[in-house]
C-alpha atoms as a PDB file:
ATOM      1  CA  MET A   1     -15.192 -12.540   3.492  1.00  0.00           C
ATOM      2  CA  ALA A   2     -12.178 -14.798   4.110  1.00  0.00           C
ATOM      3  CA  ALA A   3      -8.695 -13.314   4.161  1.00  0.00           C
ATOM      4  CA  ALA A   4      -7.758 -15.274   1.032  1.00  0.00           C
ATOM      5  CA  GLU A   5     -10.598 -13.595  -0.877  1.00  0.00           C
ATOM      6  CA  LEU A   6      -9.396 -10.197   0.309  1.00  0.00           C
ATOM      7  CA  ARG A   7      -5.878 -11.026  -0.846  1.00  0.00           C
ATOM      8  CA  ASN A   8      -7.128 -12.222  -4.218  1.00  0.00           C
ATOM      9  CA  GLY A   9      -9.156  -9.063  -4.656  1.00  0.00           C
ATOM     10  CA  TYR A  10      -6.114  -6.927  -3.946  1.00  0.00           C
ATOM     11  CA  LEU A  11      -3.935  -8.973  -6.293  1.00  0.00           C
ATOM     12  CA  GLN A  12      -6.543  -8.529  -9.020  1.00  0.00           C
ATOM     13  CA  THR A  13      -6.403  -4.778  -8.457  1.00  0.00           C
ATOM     14  CA  LEU A  14      -2.613  -4.817  -8.781  1.00  0.00           C
ATOM     15  CA  ALA A  15      -2.875  -6.907 -11.956  1.00  0.00           C
ATOM     16  CA  HIS A  16      -5.318  -4.366 -13.394  1.00  0.00           C
ATOM     17  CA  ILE A  17      -2.964  -1.512 -12.514  1.00  0.00           C
ATOM     18  CA  GLU A  18      -0.059  -3.355 -14.151  1.00  0.00           C
ATOM     19  CA  SER A  19      -2.120  -4.014 -17.265  1.00  0.00           C
ATOM     20  CA  ALA A  20      -3.145  -0.372 -17.522  1.00  0.00           C
ATOM     21  CA  TYR A  21       0.457   0.737 -17.028  1.00  0.00           C
ATOM     22  CA  THR A  22       1.686  -1.631 -19.743  1.00  0.00           C
ATOM     23  CA  LYS A  23      -0.892  -0.244 -22.168  1.00  0.00           C
ATOM     24  CA  LEU A  24       0.055   3.298 -21.198  1.00  0.00           C
ATOM     25  CA  ILE A  25       3.797   2.980 -21.766  1.00  0.00           C
ATOM     26  CA  ALA A  26       3.152   1.462 -25.214  1.00  0.00           C
ATOM     27  CA  LEU A  27       1.460   4.724 -26.212  1.00  0.00           C
ATOM     28  CA  VAL A  28       4.193   7.175 -25.169  1.00  0.00           C
ATOM     29  CA  GLY A  29       6.545   9.061 -27.443  1.00  0.00           C
ATOM     30  CA  PRO A  30       6.690  11.055 -30.670  1.00  0.00           C
ATOM     31  CA  GLY A  31       3.670  10.449 -32.877  1.00  0.00           C
ATOM     32  CA  ARG A  32       1.834   8.591 -30.126  1.00  0.00           C
ATOM     33  CA  PRO A  33      -1.097   9.742 -27.968  1.00  0.00           C
ATOM     34  CA  PHE A  34       0.894  10.514 -24.817  1.00  0.00           C
ATOM     35  CA  ALA A  35       3.912  12.740 -24.216  1.00  0.00           C
ATOM     36  CA  PHE A  36       6.364  11.989 -21.423  1.00  0.00           C
ATOM     37  CA  PRO A  37       4.800  14.517 -18.987  1.00  0.00           C
ATOM     38  CA  ASP A  38       1.476  12.730 -19.568  1.00  0.00           C
ATOM     39  CA  VAL A  39       2.838   9.322 -18.618  1.00  0.00           C
ATOM     40  CA  HIS A  40       4.578  10.803 -15.589  1.00  0.00           C
ATOM     41  CA  LYS A  41       1.299  12.215 -14.279  1.00  0.00           C
ATOM     42  CA  LEU A  42      -0.699   9.088 -15.118  1.00  0.00           C
ATOM     43  CA  SER A  43       1.936   6.897 -13.460  1.00  0.00           C
ATOM     44  CA  GLU A  44       1.432   8.849 -10.258  1.00  0.00           C
ATOM     45  CA  GLY A  45      -2.294   8.106 -10.374  1.00  0.00           C
ATOM     46  CA  LEU A  46      -1.822   4.376 -10.942  1.00  0.00           C
ATOM     47  CA  PHE A  47       0.796   4.258  -8.211  1.00  0.00           C
ATOM     48  CA  LEU A  48      -1.526   5.978  -5.733  1.00  0.00           C
ATOM     49  CA  GLY A  49      -4.202   3.427  -6.589  1.00  0.00           C
ATOM     50  CA  ALA A  50      -1.867   0.547  -5.746  1.00  0.00           C
ATOM     51  CA  TRP A  51      -0.958   2.163  -2.421  1.00  0.00           C
ATOM     52  CA  THR A  52      -4.498   3.195  -1.456  1.00  0.00           C
ATOM     53  CA  TYR A  53      -5.786  -0.329  -2.024  1.00  0.00           C
ATOM     54  CA  TRP A  54      -2.842  -1.633   0.045  1.00  0.00           C
ATOM     55  CA  GLU A  55      -4.070   0.403   3.012  1.00  0.00           C
ATOM     56  CA  GLY A  56      -7.613  -0.880   2.460  1.00  0.00           C
ATOM     57  CA  PHE A  57      -6.324  -4.443   2.244  1.00  0.00           C
ATOM     58  CA  LEU A  58      -4.560  -4.128   5.612  1.00  0.00           C
ATOM     59  CA  CYS A  59      -7.694  -2.739   7.234  1.00  0.00           C
ATOM     60  CA  ASP A  60     -10.012  -5.336   5.710  1.00  0.00           C
ATOM     61  CA  VAL A  61      -7.776  -8.263   6.696  1.00  0.00           C
ATOM     62  CA  MET A  62      -7.549  -7.036  10.279  1.00  0.00           C
ATOM     63  CA  VAL A  63     -11.345  -6.613  10.457  1.00  0.00           C
ATOM     64  CA  GLU A  64     -11.703 -10.172   9.129  1.00  0.00           C
ATOM     65  CA  ASP A  65      -9.219 -11.512  11.664  1.00  0.00           C
ATOM     66  CA  LEU A  66     -10.749  -9.641  14.590  1.00  0.00           C
ATOM     67  CA  GLY A  67     -14.164 -11.011  13.635  1.00  0.00           C
ATOM     68  CA  THR A  68     -12.898 -14.606  13.612  1.00  0.00           C
ATOM     69  CA  ASP A  69      -9.940 -14.802  16.028  1.00  0.00           C
ATOM     70  CA  THR A  70     -11.065 -16.685  19.137  1.00  0.00           C
ATOM     71  CA  ASP A  71      -8.045 -15.324  21.013  1.00  0.00           C
ATOM     72  CA  GLY A  72      -8.716 -11.718  20.039  1.00  0.00           C
ATOM     73  CA  ILE A  73     -10.519  -9.199  22.239  1.00  0.00           C
ATOM     74  CA  LEU A  74     -13.807  -9.521  20.353  1.00  0.00           C
ATOM     75  CA  ARG A  75     -14.466 -13.273  20.526  1.00  0.00           C
ATOM     76  CA  SER A  76     -12.408 -14.491  23.472  1.00  0.00           C
ATOM     77  CA  ASP A  77     -15.285 -13.887  25.901  1.00  0.00           C
ATOM     78  CA  VAL A  78     -18.216 -14.249  23.492  1.00  0.00           C
ATOM     79  CA  ALA A  79     -19.525 -17.697  22.632  1.00  0.00           C
ATOM     80  CA  ARG A  80     -22.331 -16.680  20.272  1.00  0.00           C
ATOM     81  CA  PHE A  81     -23.396 -13.622  18.297  1.00  0.00           C
ATOM     82  CA  ARG A  82     -26.947 -12.747  17.361  1.00  0.00           C
ATOM     83  CA  THR A  83     -26.272 -12.756  13.613  1.00  0.00           C
ATOM     84  CA  ARG A  84     -23.592 -14.211  11.376  1.00  0.00           C
ATOM     85  CA  ASN A  85     -22.188 -10.816  10.356  1.00  0.00           C
ATOM     86  CA  ALA A  86     -22.339  -9.235  13.814  1.00  0.00           C
ATOM     87  CA  PRO A  87     -18.693  -9.926  14.772  1.00  0.00           C
ATOM     88  CA  PHE A  88     -17.450  -8.303  11.546  1.00  0.00           C
ATOM     89  CA  ARG A  89     -19.588  -5.202  12.080  1.00  0.00           C
ATOM     90  CA  LEU A  90     -18.300  -4.938  15.628  1.00  0.00           C
ATOM     91  CA  ALA A  91     -14.723  -5.497  14.449  1.00  0.00           C
ATOM     92  CA  ASP A  92     -15.139  -2.662  11.974  1.00  0.00           C
ATOM     93  CA  PHE A  93     -16.485  -0.377  14.710  1.00  0.00           C
ATOM     94  CA  ILE A  94     -13.527  -1.225  16.930  1.00  0.00           C
ATOM     95  CA  LEU A  95     -10.830  -0.725  14.293  1.00  0.00           C
ATOM     96  CA  THR A  96     -12.134   2.388  12.526  1.00  0.00           C
ATOM     97  CA  HIS A  97     -12.486   5.883  13.936  1.00  0.00           C
ATOM     98  CA  PRO A  98     -15.701   6.600  15.871  1.00  0.00           C
ATOM     99  CA  ASP A  99     -16.300   9.574  13.546  1.00  0.00           C
ATOM    100  CA  HIS A 100     -15.747   7.529  10.368  1.00  0.00           C
ATOM    101  CA  PRO A 101     -15.955   8.520   7.523  1.00  0.00           C
ATOM    102  CA  GLU A 102     -15.368  12.153   8.521  1.00  0.00           C
ATOM    103  CA  LYS A 103     -12.190  11.104  10.349  1.00  0.00           C
ATOM    104  CA  PHE A 104     -10.093   8.031   9.798  1.00  0.00           C
ATOM    105  CA  VAL A 105      -7.447   5.742  11.244  1.00  0.00           C
ATOM    106  CA  ASP A 106      -4.036   5.790   9.570  1.00  0.00           C
ATOM    107  CA  TRP A 107      -3.310   2.482   7.819  1.00  0.00           C
ATOM    108  CA  SER A 108      -0.299   3.789   5.894  1.00  0.00           C
ATOM    109  CA  ASP A 109       2.202   3.123   8.704  1.00  0.00           C
ATOM    110  CA  TYR A 110       2.751  -0.628   8.999  1.00  0.00           C
ATOM    111  CA  SER A 111       4.253  -0.295  12.485  1.00  0.00           C
ATOM    112  CA  LEU A 112       0.908   1.140  13.662  1.00  0.00           C
ATOM    113  CA  VAL A 113      -0.897  -1.757  11.966  1.00  0.00           C
ATOM    114  CA  VAL A 114       1.253  -4.177  13.954  1.00  0.00           C
ATOM    115  CA  LYS A 115       0.543  -2.201  17.150  1.00  0.00           C
ATOM    116  CA  ARG A 116      -3.209  -2.556  16.566  1.00  0.00           C
ATOM    117  CA  ALA A 117      -2.809  -6.255  15.859  1.00  0.00           C
ATOM    118  CA  ASN A 118      -0.912  -6.691  19.118  1.00  0.00           C
ATOM    119  CA  GLU A 119      -3.674  -4.873  21.001  1.00  0.00           C
ATOM    120  CA  PHE A 120      -6.699  -6.527  19.437  1.00  0.00           C
ATOM    121  CA  LEU A 121      -5.679  -9.953  18.116  1.00  0.00           C
ATOM    122  CA  GLY A 122      -4.264 -13.097  19.667  1.00  0.00           C
ATOM    123  CA  ALA A 123      -0.533 -13.565  20.111  1.00  0.00           C
ATOM    124  CA  ASN A 124      -0.028 -15.518  16.880  1.00  0.00           C
ATOM    125  CA  HIS A 125      -1.580 -12.987  14.512  1.00  0.00           C
ATOM    126  CA  ARG A 126      -0.459 -12.696  10.889  1.00  0.00           C
ATOM    127  CA  PHE A 127       0.921  -9.134  11.015  1.00  0.00           C
ATOM    128  CA  VAL A 128       4.578 -10.028  11.313  1.00  0.00           C
ATOM    129  CA  ASN A 129       7.098  -7.338  12.121  1.00  0.00           C
ATOM    130  CA  PRO A 130       9.214  -6.738  10.243  1.00  0.00           C
ATOM    131  CA  LEU A 131       7.734  -7.823   6.939  1.00  0.00           C
ATOM    132  CA  PRO A 132      10.389  -9.213   4.580  1.00  0.00           C
ATOM    133  CA  GLN A 133       9.442  -6.337   2.251  1.00  0.00           C
ATOM    134  CA  GLY A 134       9.332  -3.807   5.096  1.00  0.00           C
ATOM    135  CA  GLN A 135      12.216  -1.580   4.004  1.00  0.00           C
ATOM    136  CA  ASP A 136      10.992  -1.523   0.421  1.00  0.00           C
ATOM    137  CA  ILE A 137       7.470  -0.642   1.578  1.00  0.00           C
ATOM    138  CA  LEU A 138       8.947   2.330   3.435  1.00  0.00           C
ATOM    139  CA  LYS A 139      10.529   3.459   0.168  1.00  0.00           C
ATOM    140  CA  VAL A 140       7.202   3.081  -1.644  1.00  0.00           C
ATOM    141  CA  LYS A 141       5.505   5.109   1.072  1.00  0.00           C
ATOM    142  CA  ARG A 142       8.003   7.955   0.703  1.00  0.00           C
ATOM    143  CA  VAL A 143       7.178   8.180  -3.001  1.00  0.00           C
ATOM    144  CA  ARG A 144       3.485   8.090  -2.138  1.00  0.00           C
ATOM    145  CA  ASN A 145       3.913  10.959   0.326  1.00  0.00           C
ATOM    146  CA  ALA A 146       5.749  13.058  -2.255  1.00  0.00           C
ATOM    147  CA  ILE A 147       2.743  12.673  -4.574  1.00  0.00           C
ATOM    148  CA  ALA A 148      -0.039  12.993  -2.008  1.00  0.00           C
ATOM    149  CA  HIS A 149       1.271  15.599   0.438  1.00  0.00           C
ATOM    150  CA  ARG A 150       3.431  18.047  -1.515  1.00  0.00           C
ATOM    151  CA  SER A 151       4.822  19.251   1.823  1.00  0.00           C
ATOM    152  CA  ASP A 152       8.428  20.306   2.383  1.00  0.00           C
ATOM    153  CA  LYS A 153       8.901  17.330   4.702  1.00  0.00           C
ATOM    154  CA  ALA A 154       7.556  14.854   2.141  1.00  0.00           C
ATOM    155  CA  TRP A 155       9.711  16.346  -0.617  1.00  0.00           C
ATOM    156  CA  GLU A 156      12.855  16.280   1.541  1.00  0.00           C
ATOM    157  CA  SER A 157      12.161  12.616   2.339  1.00  0.00           C
ATOM    158  CA  PHE A 158      11.704  11.865  -1.362  1.00  0.00           C
ATOM    159  CA  THR A 159      14.920  13.690  -2.262  1.00  0.00           C
ATOM    160  CA  SER A 160      16.901  11.797   0.365  1.00  0.00           C
ATOM    161  CA  LEU A 161      15.388   8.559  -0.968  1.00  0.00           C
ATOM    162  CA  VAL A 162      16.606   9.102  -4.528  1.00  0.00           C
ATOM    163  CA  ASN A 163      20.019  10.247  -3.300  1.00  0.00           C
ATOM    164  CA  ALA A 164      20.587   7.029  -1.312  1.00  0.00           C
ATOM    165  CA  PRO A 165      21.134   3.429  -2.451  1.00  0.00           C
ATOM    166  CA  PRO A 166      19.874   1.730  -4.524  1.00  0.00           C
ATOM    167  CA  PHE A 167      19.127   4.835  -6.628  1.00  0.00           C
ATOM    168  CA  ASN A 168      22.168   7.075  -5.984  1.00  0.00           C
ATOM    169  CA  PHE A 169      20.982   9.999  -8.079  1.00  0.00           C
ATOM    170  CA  THR A 170      23.473  12.554  -9.307  1.00  0.00           C
ATOM    171  CA  PRO A 171      22.679  16.283  -9.189  1.00  0.00           C
ATOM    172  CA  GLY A 172      21.918  16.111 -12.911  1.00  0.00           C
ATOM    173  CA  GLN A 173      19.386  13.320 -12.418  1.00  0.00           C
ATOM    174  CA  ARG A 174      17.608  15.333  -9.730  1.00  0.00           C
ATOM    175  CA  ARG A 175      17.125  18.330 -12.021  1.00  0.00           C
ATOM    176  CA  GLY A 176      13.454  18.568 -12.979  1.00  0.00           C
ATOM    177  CA  LEU A 177      12.632  15.348 -11.136  1.00  0.00           C
ATOM    178  CA  THR A 178       9.028  14.579 -10.226  1.00  0.00           C
ATOM    179  CA  PRO A 179       7.641  11.471  -8.522  1.00  0.00           C
ATOM    180  CA  GLY A 180       5.958  10.465 -11.784  1.00  0.00           C
ATOM    181  CA  ARG A 181       9.161  10.782 -13.758  1.00  0.00           C
ATOM    182  CA  PHE A 182      10.943   8.763 -11.076  1.00  0.00           C
ATOM    183  CA  LEU A 183       8.312   6.017 -11.312  1.00  0.00           C
ATOM    184  CA  TYR A 184       8.422   5.834 -15.097  1.00  0.00           C
ATOM    185  CA  ALA A 185      11.976   6.662 -16.140  1.00  0.00           C
ATOM    186  CA  HIS A 186      14.148   5.104 -13.440  1.00  0.00           C
ATOM    187  CA  GLN A 187      15.034   1.545 -12.482  1.00  0.00           C
ATOM    188  CA  TRP A 188      14.689  -0.429  -9.276  1.00  0.00           C
ATOM    189  CA  ASN A 189      15.781  -4.074  -9.216  1.00  0.00           C
ATOM    190  CA  GLY A 190      16.064  -4.195 -12.980  1.00  0.00           C
ATOM    191  CA  THR A 191      12.623  -2.813 -13.817  1.00  0.00           C
ATOM    192  CA  SER A 192      10.878   0.531 -13.578  1.00  0.00           C
ATOM    193  CA  VAL A 193      10.272   1.958 -10.109  1.00  0.00           C
ATOM    194  CA  MET A 194       6.551   1.767 -10.856  1.00  0.00           C
ATOM    195  CA  GLN A 195       6.629  -1.925 -11.715  1.00  0.00           C
ATOM    196  CA  ASN A 196       8.900  -2.855  -8.817  1.00  0.00           C
ATOM    197  CA  SER A 197       6.695  -0.941  -6.374  1.00  0.00           C
ATOM    198  CA  VAL A 198       3.706  -3.016  -7.460  1.00  0.00           C
ATOM    199  CA  ALA A 199       5.819  -6.182  -7.110  1.00  0.00           C
ATOM    200  CA  VAL A 200       6.772  -5.174  -3.542  1.00  0.00           C
ATOM    201  CA  LEU A 201       3.132  -4.692  -2.544  1.00  0.00           C
ATOM    202  CA  ARG A 202       2.126  -7.970  -4.183  1.00  0.00           C
ATOM    203  CA  ALA A 203       4.839  -9.891  -2.335  1.00  0.00           C
ATOM    204  CA  ALA A 204       3.850  -8.316   0.994  1.00  0.00           C
ATOM    205  CA  ALA A 205       0.182  -9.211   0.467  1.00  0.00           C
ATOM    206  CA  ASN A 206       1.171 -12.806  -0.186  1.00  0.00           C
ATOM    207  CA  VAL A 207       3.261 -12.874   2.999  1.00  0.00           C
ATOM    208  CA  LEU A 208       0.369 -11.598   5.108  1.00  0.00           C
ATOM    209  CA  VAL A 209      -2.135 -13.987   3.524  1.00  0.00           C
ATOM    210  CA  PRO A 210      -0.169 -16.991   2.172  1.00  0.00           C
END
């Protein structure tokens, strides 16, 4: 599958998430099906979907590139493969954990993605560092960790995120805060944190696969 198809598939996923979120927020409030705690929890689920598919997109694009890059470690010394799909199967074996799916490689840290690209692909690979959206992706990841991990470290990182620019929360705003409430009820670049997070991931996908 070409990288452009992988990008389009991811963008379709983000569009679906946005559509579902738009439908959800239209049904929140007194006399409507969802209360505010409901939309907070459901926002967390949609947000995690956008992030999880981002990690899968990074992995799939690198597998595609390793299977086709004539300067990468897989094809630089191999003129022909036995079958058409062989280089992609081998690329997958190289880039995923030998005990997959019981154990896995971390695709959530973009700096590690770049490190793998530097090791396995030719010098002019697509995984630029830093991404134009790199700092915003780090913010998105900190929200993701606060939802997924529930550890003291993840919560402290989330708290420091909302305290700092561009959010600058007051003590009153932090009272009773959850990641879902943050996503739904607070603004980032003139729209909800949820919607801007999706926009950040979309822009980054388009940078990696123009």
